[in-house]
Amino acid sequence: MKKKQWQGWGSGEQAEQHYLVLPRALAGGGDVRHVSEFLRASGWRDRSKAGGPVFMESPDRTVRVAYAPYVLPGGWTIHGQADVPNGEWAAHLGRQTPVEIVAGLTDALTRPRSAHAPNVWAPLEEQNWHTRFEGEHYRATSPDGTAWMQYHHSPDGSAMWWTGAKDKQGNSWTATFSPNTPMHLVQAFSAELADPDPVMRPRGRVPHSAQIRTWSVSVKPSQLRAWQQARITAARAATWARNSARNTRPRTTARPYTPAGGARTRR
């Protein structure tokens, strides 16, 4: 997969029709490069094959992100290797999960974990999602009822995070997270799920749904490239800053004492 160089602001270009879509959970999948290009700019290895599924691997090779659109059920798979005490974890997100919401989780994979204890429900409650117990499950539902998130307990004693969105026309997606998925990643996902801002889709890529609202906007291709480049530049800058801090970190062990002149006394 070759990277295209940003050509800058074009002259005489024609604006193209796009749509701002709310709620974002029903906006459709979107462009997978929103996820993959950010990971690449953050130092992840691109193991994708030309014309094949997306496959990205973290610099330390402990996490893999894949997108397979041509198999059933398809969609996103994120897998983390064993990390005591959590062990291996996995997340599976349907093909129609908006890339902006997927990126909530995948972007968080590139950042240091916050010192604050994560709370998956906090971003949902801040946006007035309705939270409640349903038997042994704990569930949050969006104000319009189209999206949900649930900590799901099965009769066999197993548990998992389960989330998704659905409208009356049958447009839908679901996602599951194993119970040992790092909580700060699930919270990053829930924050993007509950984000009240619209997302943008090009003409012809907006789902037919009575539950969504759209606003038509005219956008130049150079504007789109500039917005995309800004996201990539931010990822590169953050990666550079982390690497620089790591390389300049002071030593944690003291050097052996050497008397003036460099000579040591033998016994």
Protein backbone atom coordinates (compact mmCIF):
# COMPACT_ATOMS: atom_id res chain seq x y z
CA MET A 1 0.00 0.00 0.00
CA LYS A 2 1.76 3.18 -1.18
CA LYS A 3 1.45 6.41 0.72
CA LYS A 4 0.21 9.33 -1.33
CA GLN A 5 2.00 12.60 -0.78
CA TRP A 6 -0.22 15.51 0.08
CA GLN A 7 -0.19 17.87 -2.90
CA GLY A 8 -1.28 20.98 -1.00
CA TRP A 9 -4.11 23.31 -1.79
CA GLY A 10 -5.32 22.83 -5.34
CA SER A 11 -6.32 25.57 -7.74
CA GLY A 12 -9.50 25.48 -9.75
CA GLU A 13 -10.72 22.32 -8.04
CA GLN A 14 -14.39 21.51 -7.76
CA ALA A 15 -16.11 21.22 -4.42
CA GLU A 16 -17.73 17.84 -3.73
CA GLN A 17 -20.93 17.17 -1.84
CA HIS A 18 -20.59 15.56 1.57
CA TYR A 19 -22.95 15.14 4.49
CA LEU A 20 -22.62 15.65 8.20
CA VAL A 21 -24.42 12.77 9.91
CA LEU A 22 -26.00 12.39 13.36
CA PRO A 23 -26.05 10.24 15.36
CA ARG A 24 -22.55 9.13 14.48
CA ALA A 25 -23.28 5.53 15.51
CA LEU A 26 -25.56 5.19 12.45
CA ALA A 27 -23.27 6.90 9.93
CA GLY A 28 -21.93 3.70 8.37
CA GLY A 29 -18.40 2.34 8.31
CA GLY A 30 -16.49 5.11 6.55
CA ASP A 31 -12.92 5.11 5.22
CA VAL A 32 -10.72 2.53 7.00
CA ARG A 33 -7.65 4.70 6.34
CA HIS A 34 -8.90 6.92 9.16
CA VAL A 35 -7.69 4.10 11.42
CA SER A 36 -4.79 2.57 9.51
CA GLU A 37 -3.00 5.80 8.51
CA PHE A 38 -3.00 7.01 12.11
CA LEU A 39 -1.48 3.74 13.30
CA ARG A 40 1.15 3.86 10.56
CA ALA A 41 2.04 7.44 11.51
CA SER A 42 2.36 6.25 15.13
CA GLY A 43 5.06 3.77 14.19
CA TRP A 44 2.96 0.66 13.66
CA ARG A 45 4.04 -1.86 11.03
CA ASP A 46 1.76 -2.24 8.02
CA ARG A 47 1.55 -5.97 7.25
CA SER A 48 -1.33 -5.53 4.78
CA LYS A 49 -1.12 -7.23 1.40
CA ALA A 50 -1.92 -5.29 -1.77
CA GLY A 51 -5.65 -5.49 -2.42
CA GLY A 52 -6.16 -7.56 0.72
CA PRO A 53 -7.34 -7.01 4.28
CA VAL A 54 -5.79 -4.33 6.49
CA PHE A 55 -3.32 -5.77 9.00
CA MET A 56 -1.38 -3.53 11.40
CA GLU A 57 1.04 -4.56 14.15
CA SER A 58 2.24 -2.51 17.12
CA PRO A 59 5.95 -1.63 17.36
CA ASP A 60 6.45 -4.15 20.19
CA ARG A 61 4.39 -6.77 18.30
CA THR A 62 2.00 -7.30 21.21
CA VAL A 63 -1.16 -5.92 19.55
CA ARG A 64 -2.62 -6.56 16.09
CA VAL A 65 -5.40 -4.66 14.32
CA ALA A 66 -7.05 -6.24 11.29
CA TYR A 67 -9.94 -5.32 9.02
CA ALA A 68 -11.39 -7.99 6.72
CA PRO A 69 -14.30 -6.76 4.56
CA TYR A 70 -14.57 -9.77 2.25
CA VAL A 71 -15.38 -12.55 4.71
CA LEU A 72 -18.37 -13.18 6.94
CA PRO A 73 -19.04 -11.67 9.34
CA GLY A 74 -16.04 -9.47 8.56
CA GLY A 75 -15.13 -6.23 10.23
CA TRP A 76 -12.44 -5.31 12.73
CA THR A 77 -10.47 -7.63 15.01
CA ILE A 78 -8.10 -6.23 17.63
CA HIS A 79 -6.03 -8.74 19.57
CA GLY A 80 -3.62 -8.18 22.45
CA GLN A 81 -1.09 -10.75 23.61
CA ALA A 82 -0.72 -11.97 27.17
CA ASP A 83 0.00 -9.17 29.61
CA VAL A 84 0.09 -10.30 33.21
CA PRO A 85 -2.22 -10.08 35.09
CA ASN A 86 -4.80 -9.49 32.34
CA GLY A 87 -3.85 -12.22 29.87
CA GLU A 88 -4.80 -12.13 26.19
CA TRP A 89 -7.71 -9.98 25.12
CA ALA A 90 -9.68 -9.40 21.95
CA ALA A 91 -12.27 -7.06 20.46
CA HIS A 92 -14.48 -7.71 17.42
CA LEU A 93 -16.30 -4.84 15.71
CA GLY A 94 -18.77 -5.18 12.85
CA ARG A 95 -18.10 -3.77 9.37
CA GLN A 96 -20.57 -0.91 9.81
CA THR A 97 -18.96 0.34 13.02
CA PRO A 98 -18.05 3.94 12.14
CA VAL A 99 -14.29 4.34 11.76
CA GLU A 100 -14.37 7.36 14.06
CA ILE A 101 -15.66 5.14 16.86
CA VAL A 102 -13.20 2.34 16.02
CA ALA A 103 -10.43 4.94 16.21
CA GLY A 104 -11.44 5.75 19.76
CA LEU A 105 -9.98 2.36 20.70
CA THR A 106 -7.15 2.09 18.16
CA ASP A 107 -5.86 5.63 18.74
CA ALA A 108 -5.73 4.86 22.47
CA LEU A 109 -3.45 1.90 21.69
CA THR A 110 -0.76 4.39 20.63
CA ARG A 111 -0.90 6.55 23.77
CA PRO A 112 0.44 5.98 27.30
CA ARG A 113 -2.18 4.80 29.76
CA SER A 114 -3.59 7.52 31.99
CA ALA A 115 -2.85 7.37 35.71
CA HIS A 116 -6.55 7.90 36.43
CA ALA A 117 -8.75 4.86 36.97
CA PRO A 118 -10.87 4.32 33.83
CA ASN A 119 -14.67 4.47 33.95
CA VAL A 120 -16.42 3.11 30.87
CA TRP A 121 -19.79 4.55 31.86
CA ALA A 122 -18.64 8.12 32.59
CA PRO A 123 -18.56 9.38 28.95
CA LEU A 124 -22.02 7.90 28.37
CA GLU A 125 -23.53 9.43 31.49
CA GLU A 126 -22.03 12.82 30.59
CA GLN A 127 -24.06 12.69 27.35
CA ASN A 128 -27.27 11.74 29.20
CA TRP A 129 -27.29 8.09 28.28
CA HIS A 130 -29.74 6.09 30.39
CA THR A 131 -27.92 3.55 32.62
CA ARG A 132 -29.62 0.73 34.48
CA PHE A 133 -29.36 -2.87 35.64
CA GLU A 134 -31.15 -5.49 33.55
CA GLY A 135 -30.96 -8.63 35.62
CA GLU A 136 -27.26 -9.37 36.00
CA HIS A 137 -26.35 -7.06 33.12
CA TYR A 138 -25.56 -3.35 33.33
CA ARG A 139 -26.69 -1.38 30.29
CA ALA A 140 -26.50 2.16 28.91
CA THR A 141 -28.76 3.37 26.10
CA SER A 142 -28.42 6.54 24.04
CA PRO A 143 -31.12 9.22 24.46
CA ASP A 144 -32.63 8.34 21.04
CA GLY A 145 -32.52 4.60 21.78
CA THR A 146 -30.45 3.69 18.71
CA ALA A 147 -27.17 2.77 20.46
CA TRP A 148 -26.30 0.83 23.57
CA MET A 149 -23.43 -0.50 25.65
CA GLN A 150 -23.73 -3.38 28.07
CA TYR A 151 -21.59 -5.38 30.46
CA HIS A 152 -23.08 -8.78 29.68
CA HIS A 153 -23.09 -11.77 32.05
CA SER A 154 -23.87 -15.14 30.43
CA PRO A 155 -25.64 -18.01 32.24
CA ASP A 156 -22.39 -20.02 32.21
CA GLY A 157 -20.70 -17.34 34.32
CA SER A 158 -18.67 -15.75 31.54
CA ALA A 159 -18.84 -12.03 30.87
CA MET A 160 -18.08 -9.60 28.07
CA TRP A 161 -18.66 -6.04 26.89
CA TRP A 162 -21.34 -5.82 24.22
CA THR A 163 -22.25 -2.69 22.27
CA GLY A 164 -23.80 -1.59 19.01
CA ALA A 165 -26.38 0.48 17.18
CA LYS A 166 -29.51 -0.28 15.17
CA ASP A 167 -32.22 1.68 13.38
CA LYS A 168 -35.72 0.69 12.25
CA GLN A 169 -34.54 0.07 8.68
CA GLY A 170 -32.17 -2.71 9.73
CA ASN A 171 -28.90 -0.80 9.55
CA SER A 172 -26.86 -2.13 12.44
CA TRP A 173 -23.53 -3.18 13.87
CA THR A 174 -22.38 -4.82 17.06
CA ALA A 175 -19.05 -5.07 18.84
CA THR A 176 -17.80 -7.29 21.64
CA PHE A 177 -14.82 -6.96 23.97
CA SER A 178 -13.45 -9.80 26.06
CA PRO A 179 -13.81 -9.11 29.81
CA ASN A 180 -10.04 -8.65 30.22
CA THR A 181 -9.80 -5.97 27.52
CA PRO A 182 -7.91 -3.07 29.19
CA MET A 183 -10.55 -0.79 30.65
CA HIS A 184 -8.96 2.41 29.39
CA LEU A 185 -9.42 1.11 25.83
CA VAL A 186 -13.10 0.34 26.39
CA GLN A 187 -13.55 3.80 27.89
CA ALA A 188 -11.86 5.41 24.87
CA PHE A 189 -14.31 3.52 22.66
CA SER A 190 -17.33 4.56 24.74
CA ALA A 191 -16.23 8.20 24.63
CA GLU A 192 -16.28 8.20 20.82
CA LEU A 193 -19.55 6.26 20.79
CA ALA A 194 -21.21 8.94 22.93
CA ASP A 195 -19.57 11.93 21.20
CA PRO A 196 -22.43 14.27 20.14
CA ASP A 197 -20.50 15.73 17.18
CA PRO A 198 -21.49 14.61 13.66
CA VAL A 199 -19.19 12.71 11.32
CA MET A 200 -18.82 13.33 7.60
CA ARG A 201 -19.60 10.95 4.76
CA PRO A 202 -19.34 11.50 0.99
CA ARG A 203 -22.37 11.53 -1.26
CA GLY A 204 -23.63 8.01 -1.87
CA ARG A 205 -22.16 6.66 1.38
CA VAL A 206 -24.90 7.81 3.74
CA PRO A 207 -27.16 5.00 5.01
CA HIS A 208 -30.87 5.25 4.26
CA SER A 209 -32.30 5.67 7.72
CA ALA A 210 -35.22 7.51 9.25
CA GLN A 211 -33.23 7.80 12.49
CA ILE A 212 -30.38 9.96 11.15
CA ARG A 213 -30.16 13.68 10.47
CA THR A 214 -27.94 15.05 7.72
CA TRP A 215 -26.61 18.43 6.62
CA SER A 216 -25.22 18.92 3.14
CA VAL A 217 -21.77 20.56 2.91
CA SER A 218 -19.50 21.37 -0.04
CA VAL A 219 -15.90 20.28 0.52
CA LYS A 220 -12.86 20.65 -1.73
CA PRO A 221 -10.59 17.61 -2.10
CA SER A 222 -7.67 19.71 -0.86
CA GLN A 223 -9.62 20.47 2.32
CA LEU A 224 -10.17 16.78 2.94
CA ARG A 225 -6.47 16.08 2.37
CA ALA A 226 -5.51 18.88 4.75
CA TRP A 227 -7.80 17.52 7.50
CA GLN A 228 -6.44 14.02 7.01
CA GLN A 229 -2.86 15.31 7.00
CA ALA A 230 -3.46 17.20 10.26
CA ARG A 231 -4.48 13.95 11.97
CA ILE A 232 -1.40 12.14 10.61
CA THR A 233 0.91 15.00 11.59
CA ALA A 234 -0.47 14.93 15.14
CA ALA A 235 0.21 11.19 15.37
CA ARG A 236 3.79 11.63 14.13
CA ALA A 237 4.43 14.49 16.55
CA ALA A 238 3.14 12.50 19.52
CA THR A 239 5.25 9.49 18.52
CA TRP A 240 8.36 11.64 18.15
CA ALA A 241 7.76 13.23 21.56
CA ARG A 242 7.36 9.83 23.25
CA ASN A 243 10.48 8.42 21.60
CA SER A 244 12.49 11.51 22.51
CA ALA A 245 11.38 11.33 26.13
CA ARG A 246 12.29 7.65 26.24
CA ASN A 247 15.75 8.24 24.76
CA THR A 248 16.56 11.11 27.11
CA ARG A 249 15.24 9.45 30.26
CA PRO A 250 17.84 9.64 33.07
CA ARG A 251 19.56 6.48 34.24
CA THR A 252 17.93 4.75 37.19
CA THR A 253 21.12 3.04 38.40
CA ALA A 254 24.12 4.92 39.74
CA ARG A 255 27.47 4.71 37.99
CA PRO A 256 30.32 3.25 40.08
CA TYR A 257 32.32 5.95 41.86
CA THR A 258 35.67 6.77 40.27
CA PRO A 259 38.18 8.92 42.19
CA ALA A 260 39.60 12.02 40.52
CA GLY A 261 42.16 11.09 37.92
CA GLY A 262 40.30 7.94 36.98
CA ALA A 263 42.44 5.59 39.08
CA ARG A 264 40.93 2.96 41.34
CA THR A 265 42.59 1.44 44.36
CA ARG A 266 42.97 -2.31 44.26
CA ARG A 267 42.86 -4.43 47.33
